[in-house]
Amino acid sequence: MHEKTREDSAKVLNMPLLTLEQFRHEYREGKYTSHGCYPRVWATINGALCHACLRAELRTQVRRIKTNDPEAILAVFVNWENSDLYCHVCDARIEAAYV
């Protein structure tokens, strides 16, 4: 049996895996997309992560990506219509674009 990796976690979520460079670029873009100002959500194997919680644990997430930790940020996406999406760390509702 092999140790779980970020790639294994991304396969479970069926999402393309962010590289460290992509993660840094996406993080610098901020809470909203640069085109359309849509709310962005960070995906981990544990659930969605709001931008405030990501900011609070940024160094931890960078370390996790560097070490291929399965609990690292896997992807970023726009929350288009899910009004029932909550951050798995702080339980805050994550804004949806069209709700």
N, C-alpha and C. Protein backbone atom coordinates (compact mmCIF):
# COMPACT_ATOMS: atom_id res chain seq x y z
N MET A 1 0.84 -1.18 0.00
CA MET A 1 0.00 0.00 0.00
C MET A 1 0.89 1.24 0.00
N HIS A 2 0.53 2.23 -0.83
CA HIS A 2 1.36 3.44 -0.90
C HIS A 2 0.75 4.56 -0.07
N GLU A 3 1.60 5.53 0.29
CA GLU A 3 1.15 6.69 1.05
C GLU A 3 0.33 7.60 0.14
N LYS A 4 -0.74 8.15 0.68
CA LYS A 4 -1.59 9.05 -0.11
C LYS A 4 -0.84 10.32 -0.48
N THR A 5 -1.13 10.85 -1.65
CA THR A 5 -0.50 12.07 -2.14
C THR A 5 -1.57 13.06 -2.56
N ARG A 6 -1.14 14.26 -2.92
CA ARG A 6 -2.07 15.27 -3.44
C ARG A 6 -2.74 14.76 -4.72
N GLU A 7 -1.99 14.02 -5.53
CA GLU A 7 -2.55 13.49 -6.77
C GLU A 7 -3.71 12.54 -6.48
N ASP A 8 -3.55 11.71 -5.46
CA ASP A 8 -4.63 10.80 -5.07
C ASP A 8 -5.86 11.60 -4.64
N SER A 9 -5.66 12.65 -3.87
CA SER A 9 -6.77 13.48 -3.40
C SER A 9 -7.46 14.18 -4.56
N ALA A 10 -6.67 14.69 -5.51
CA ALA A 10 -7.25 15.37 -6.67
C ALA A 10 -8.10 14.42 -7.52
N LYS A 11 -7.66 13.17 -7.63
CA LYS A 11 -8.43 12.18 -8.38
C LYS A 11 -9.78 11.93 -7.73
N VAL A 12 -9.81 11.90 -6.40
CA VAL A 12 -11.06 11.70 -5.68
C VAL A 12 -12.03 12.84 -5.99
N LEU A 13 -11.52 14.07 -6.03
CA LEU A 13 -12.37 15.23 -6.30
C LEU A 13 -12.58 15.49 -7.78
N ASN A 14 -11.88 14.74 -8.63
CA ASN A 14 -11.98 14.91 -10.08
C ASN A 14 -11.70 16.36 -10.50
N MET A 15 -10.59 16.89 -9.98
CA MET A 15 -10.19 18.26 -10.28
C MET A 15 -8.73 18.27 -10.72
N PRO A 16 -8.37 19.18 -11.63
CA PRO A 16 -6.95 19.30 -11.98
C PRO A 16 -6.17 19.85 -10.80
N LEU A 17 -5.01 19.32 -10.58
CA LEU A 17 -4.18 19.66 -9.44
C LEU A 17 -3.39 20.94 -9.70
N LEU A 18 -3.43 21.89 -8.74
CA LEU A 18 -2.65 23.12 -8.85
C LEU A 18 -1.19 22.86 -8.53
N THR A 19 -0.29 23.39 -9.33
CA THR A 19 1.13 23.37 -8.99
C THR A 19 1.37 24.50 -7.99
N LEU A 20 2.54 24.52 -7.37
CA LEU A 20 2.88 25.58 -6.44
C LEU A 20 2.85 26.94 -7.13
N GLU A 21 3.36 27.01 -8.35
CA GLU A 21 3.37 28.27 -9.09
C GLU A 21 1.95 28.73 -9.40
N GLN A 22 1.09 27.80 -9.81
CA GLN A 22 -0.30 28.14 -10.07
C GLN A 22 -1.00 28.59 -8.79
N PHE A 23 -0.74 27.90 -7.70
CA PHE A 23 -1.32 28.27 -6.42
C PHE A 23 -0.94 29.70 -6.06
N ARG A 24 0.33 30.02 -6.16
CA ARG A 24 0.78 31.38 -5.82
C ARG A 24 0.11 32.42 -6.70
N HIS A 25 0.02 32.14 -7.99
CA HIS A 25 -0.65 33.07 -8.92
C HIS A 25 -2.13 33.24 -8.54
N GLU A 26 -2.81 32.14 -8.32
CA GLU A 26 -4.23 32.19 -7.98
C GLU A 26 -4.46 32.90 -6.65
N TYR A 27 -3.60 32.67 -5.68
CA TYR A 27 -3.74 33.33 -4.37
C TYR A 27 -3.59 34.84 -4.52
N ARG A 28 -2.63 35.27 -5.32
CA ARG A 28 -2.42 36.71 -5.53
C ARG A 28 -3.61 37.38 -6.20
N GLU A 29 -4.38 36.60 -6.96
CA GLU A 29 -5.57 37.14 -7.62
C GLU A 29 -6.62 37.58 -6.60
N GLY A 30 -6.62 36.96 -5.43
CA GLY A 30 -7.53 37.39 -4.38
C GLY A 30 -8.80 36.57 -4.26
N LYS A 31 -9.73 37.10 -3.49
CA LYS A 31 -10.98 36.42 -3.16
C LYS A 31 -11.91 36.27 -4.37
N TYR A 32 -11.79 37.19 -5.31
CA TYR A 32 -12.66 37.20 -6.49
C TYR A 32 -11.83 37.10 -7.77
N THR A 33 -12.45 36.57 -8.82
CA THR A 33 -11.76 36.48 -10.11
C THR A 33 -11.52 37.88 -10.66
N SER A 34 -10.48 38.02 -11.46
CA SER A 34 -10.17 39.33 -12.03
C SER A 34 -11.16 39.71 -13.14
N HIS A 35 -11.76 38.72 -13.77
CA HIS A 35 -12.77 38.98 -14.80
C HIS A 35 -14.13 38.56 -14.26
N GLY A 36 -15.02 39.51 -14.09
CA GLY A 36 -16.36 39.20 -13.63
C GLY A 36 -16.54 39.27 -12.12
N CYS A 37 -15.44 39.31 -11.38
CA CYS A 37 -15.49 39.41 -9.92
C CYS A 37 -16.32 38.29 -9.28
N TYR A 38 -16.10 37.06 -9.74
CA TYR A 38 -16.80 35.90 -9.21
C TYR A 38 -16.09 35.36 -7.96
N PRO A 39 -16.85 34.88 -6.97
CA PRO A 39 -16.23 34.37 -5.75
C PRO A 39 -15.45 33.08 -5.98
N ARG A 40 -14.24 33.05 -5.46
CA ARG A 40 -13.37 31.89 -5.63
C ARG A 40 -13.38 31.03 -4.37
N VAL A 41 -13.25 29.73 -4.55
CA VAL A 41 -13.25 28.77 -3.45
C VAL A 41 -12.02 27.88 -3.61
N TRP A 42 -11.40 27.55 -2.51
CA TRP A 42 -10.24 26.69 -2.51
C TRP A 42 -10.67 25.29 -2.10
N ALA A 43 -10.27 24.28 -2.85
CA ALA A 43 -10.68 22.90 -2.59
C ALA A 43 -9.56 22.12 -1.93
N THR A 44 -9.93 21.39 -0.87
CA THR A 44 -9.03 20.45 -0.23
C THR A 44 -9.79 19.12 -0.16
N ILE A 45 -9.11 18.07 0.20
CA ILE A 45 -9.77 16.77 0.34
C ILE A 45 -10.80 16.82 1.48
N ASN A 46 -10.62 17.77 2.41
CA ASN A 46 -11.53 17.91 3.55
C ASN A 46 -12.76 18.76 3.24
N GLY A 47 -12.73 19.47 2.13
CA GLY A 47 -13.86 20.32 1.77
C GLY A 47 -13.39 21.67 1.24
N ALA A 48 -14.34 22.59 1.20
CA ALA A 48 -14.06 23.94 0.70
C ALA A 48 -13.37 24.78 1.77
N LEU A 49 -12.56 25.71 1.31
CA LEU A 49 -11.83 26.60 2.20
C LEU A 49 -12.06 28.03 1.73
N CYS A 50 -12.51 28.90 2.65
CA CYS A 50 -12.73 30.30 2.28
C CYS A 50 -11.39 31.02 2.18
N HIS A 51 -11.41 32.18 1.55
CA HIS A 51 -10.17 32.93 1.33
C HIS A 51 -9.56 33.39 2.65
N ALA A 52 -10.39 33.78 3.62
CA ALA A 52 -9.87 34.23 4.92
C ALA A 52 -9.11 33.11 5.64
N CYS A 53 -9.66 31.91 5.61
CA CYS A 53 -8.98 30.78 6.26
C CYS A 53 -7.73 30.39 5.50
N LEU A 54 -7.77 30.48 4.18
CA LEU A 54 -6.56 30.21 3.40
C LEU A 54 -5.47 31.20 3.77
N ARG A 55 -5.84 32.47 3.85
CA ARG A 55 -4.87 33.50 4.22
C ARG A 55 -4.26 33.21 5.60
N ALA A 56 -5.09 32.77 6.53
CA ALA A 56 -4.62 32.47 7.89
C ALA A 56 -3.66 31.29 7.93
N GLU A 57 -3.82 30.34 7.02
CA GLU A 57 -2.93 29.17 7.03
C GLU A 57 -2.10 29.06 5.75
N LEU A 58 -1.76 30.21 5.19
CA LEU A 58 -1.03 30.25 3.92
C LEU A 58 0.31 29.51 3.99
N ARG A 59 1.11 29.77 5.00
CA ARG A 59 2.42 29.10 5.11
C ARG A 59 2.26 27.59 5.23
N THR A 60 1.27 27.17 5.98
CA THR A 60 1.00 25.74 6.13
C THR A 60 0.63 25.12 4.79
N GLN A 61 -0.21 25.81 4.04
CA GLN A 61 -0.63 25.28 2.74
C GLN A 61 0.53 25.22 1.75
N VAL A 62 1.38 26.22 1.75
CA VAL A 62 2.56 26.20 0.86
C VAL A 62 3.45 25.01 1.22
N ARG A 63 3.68 24.81 2.52
CA ARG A 63 4.49 23.66 2.96
C ARG A 63 3.83 22.36 2.53
N ARG A 64 2.52 22.27 2.68
CA ARG A 64 1.81 21.05 2.30
C ARG A 64 1.93 20.78 0.80
N ILE A 65 1.85 21.81 -0.01
CA ILE A 65 1.99 21.63 -1.46
C ILE A 65 3.41 21.16 -1.77
N LYS A 66 4.40 21.79 -1.16
CA LYS A 66 5.81 21.42 -1.41
C LYS A 66 6.11 19.98 -1.02
N THR A 67 5.45 19.49 0.03
CA THR A 67 5.72 18.13 0.51
C THR A 67 4.72 17.11 -0.02
N ASN A 68 3.85 17.54 -0.94
CA ASN A 68 2.87 16.65 -1.57
C ASN A 68 1.89 16.05 -0.56
N ASP A 69 1.58 16.83 0.47
CA ASP A 69 0.65 16.42 1.52
C ASP A 69 -0.77 16.31 0.94
N PRO A 70 -1.48 15.20 1.16
CA PRO A 70 -2.82 15.03 0.60
C PRO A 70 -3.84 16.03 1.13
N GLU A 71 -3.53 16.72 2.24
CA GLU A 71 -4.47 17.71 2.79
C GLU A 71 -4.19 19.12 2.29
N ALA A 72 -3.28 19.27 1.34
CA ALA A 72 -2.96 20.58 0.78
C ALA A 72 -4.08 21.05 -0.15
N ILE A 73 -4.03 22.34 -0.48
CA ILE A 73 -4.94 22.89 -1.48
C ILE A 73 -4.75 22.09 -2.77
N LEU A 74 -5.87 21.70 -3.37
CA LEU A 74 -5.82 20.92 -4.60
C LEU A 74 -6.17 21.75 -5.82
N ALA A 75 -7.16 22.61 -5.65
CA ALA A 75 -7.67 23.37 -6.79
C ALA A 75 -8.38 24.63 -6.30
N VAL A 76 -8.65 25.50 -7.22
CA VAL A 76 -9.46 26.68 -6.94
C VAL A 76 -10.56 26.71 -8.00
N PHE A 77 -11.75 27.10 -7.59
CA PHE A 77 -12.86 27.14 -8.53
C PHE A 77 -13.80 28.27 -8.17
N VAL A 78 -14.70 28.59 -9.08
CA VAL A 78 -15.72 29.61 -8.84
C VAL A 78 -16.96 28.91 -8.29
N ASN A 79 -17.51 29.46 -7.23
CA ASN A 79 -18.77 28.95 -6.71
C ASN A 79 -19.89 29.65 -7.46
N TRP A 80 -20.36 29.01 -8.49
CA TRP A 80 -21.38 29.63 -9.35
C TRP A 80 -22.74 29.73 -8.67
N GLU A 81 -23.27 28.61 -8.15
CA GLU A 81 -24.66 28.62 -7.67
C GLU A 81 -24.91 27.88 -6.38
N ASN A 82 -23.88 27.36 -5.73
CA ASN A 82 -24.09 26.57 -4.52
C ASN A 82 -24.24 27.47 -3.30
N SER A 83 -25.47 27.70 -2.88
CA SER A 83 -25.72 28.56 -1.73
C SER A 83 -25.51 27.82 -0.41
N ASP A 84 -25.27 26.52 -0.47
CA ASP A 84 -25.05 25.71 0.73
C ASP A 84 -23.59 25.29 0.89
N LEU A 85 -22.68 26.07 0.36
CA LEU A 85 -21.26 25.76 0.46
C LEU A 85 -20.65 26.51 1.64
N TYR A 86 -20.03 25.77 2.55
CA TYR A 86 -19.46 26.35 3.76
C TYR A 86 -17.99 25.98 3.88
N CYS A 87 -17.21 26.88 4.48
CA CYS A 87 -15.80 26.62 4.74
C CYS A 87 -15.68 25.52 5.78
N HIS A 88 -14.83 24.55 5.53
CA HIS A 88 -14.69 23.44 6.47
C HIS A 88 -13.88 23.81 7.71
N VAL A 89 -13.25 24.98 7.72
CA VAL A 89 -12.48 25.42 8.88
C VAL A 89 -13.32 26.31 9.80
N CYS A 90 -13.93 27.36 9.24
CA CYS A 90 -14.64 28.34 10.08
C CYS A 90 -16.16 28.24 9.99
N ASP A 91 -16.67 27.39 9.12
CA ASP A 91 -18.11 27.20 8.92
C ASP A 91 -18.84 28.41 8.34
N ALA A 92 -18.09 29.37 7.81
CA ALA A 92 -18.73 30.53 7.17
C ALA A 92 -19.29 30.09 5.81
N ARG A 93 -20.45 30.66 5.46
CA ARG A 93 -21.03 30.37 4.15
C ARG A 93 -20.15 31.04 3.10
N ILE A 94 -19.88 30.31 2.03
CA ILE A 94 -19.06 30.84 0.94
C ILE A 94 -20.00 31.39 -0.12
N GLU A 95 -19.77 32.63 -0.44
CA GLU A 95 -20.61 33.36 -1.39
C GLU A 95 -20.71 32.64 -2.73
N ALA A 96 -21.91 32.68 -3.30
CA ALA A 96 -22.14 32.12 -4.64
C ALA A 96 -22.34 33.26 -5.62
N ALA A 97 -21.95 33.06 -6.87
CA ALA A 97 -22.04 34.11 -7.88
C ALA A 97 -23.47 34.44 -8.26
N TYR A 98 -24.33 33.43 -8.40
CA TYR A 98 -25.67 33.65 -8.94
C TYR A 98 -26.78 33.18 -8.02
N VAL A 99 -26.64 33.40 -6.73
CA VAL A 99 -27.73 33.02 -5.83
C VAL A 99 -28.13 34.22 -5.00
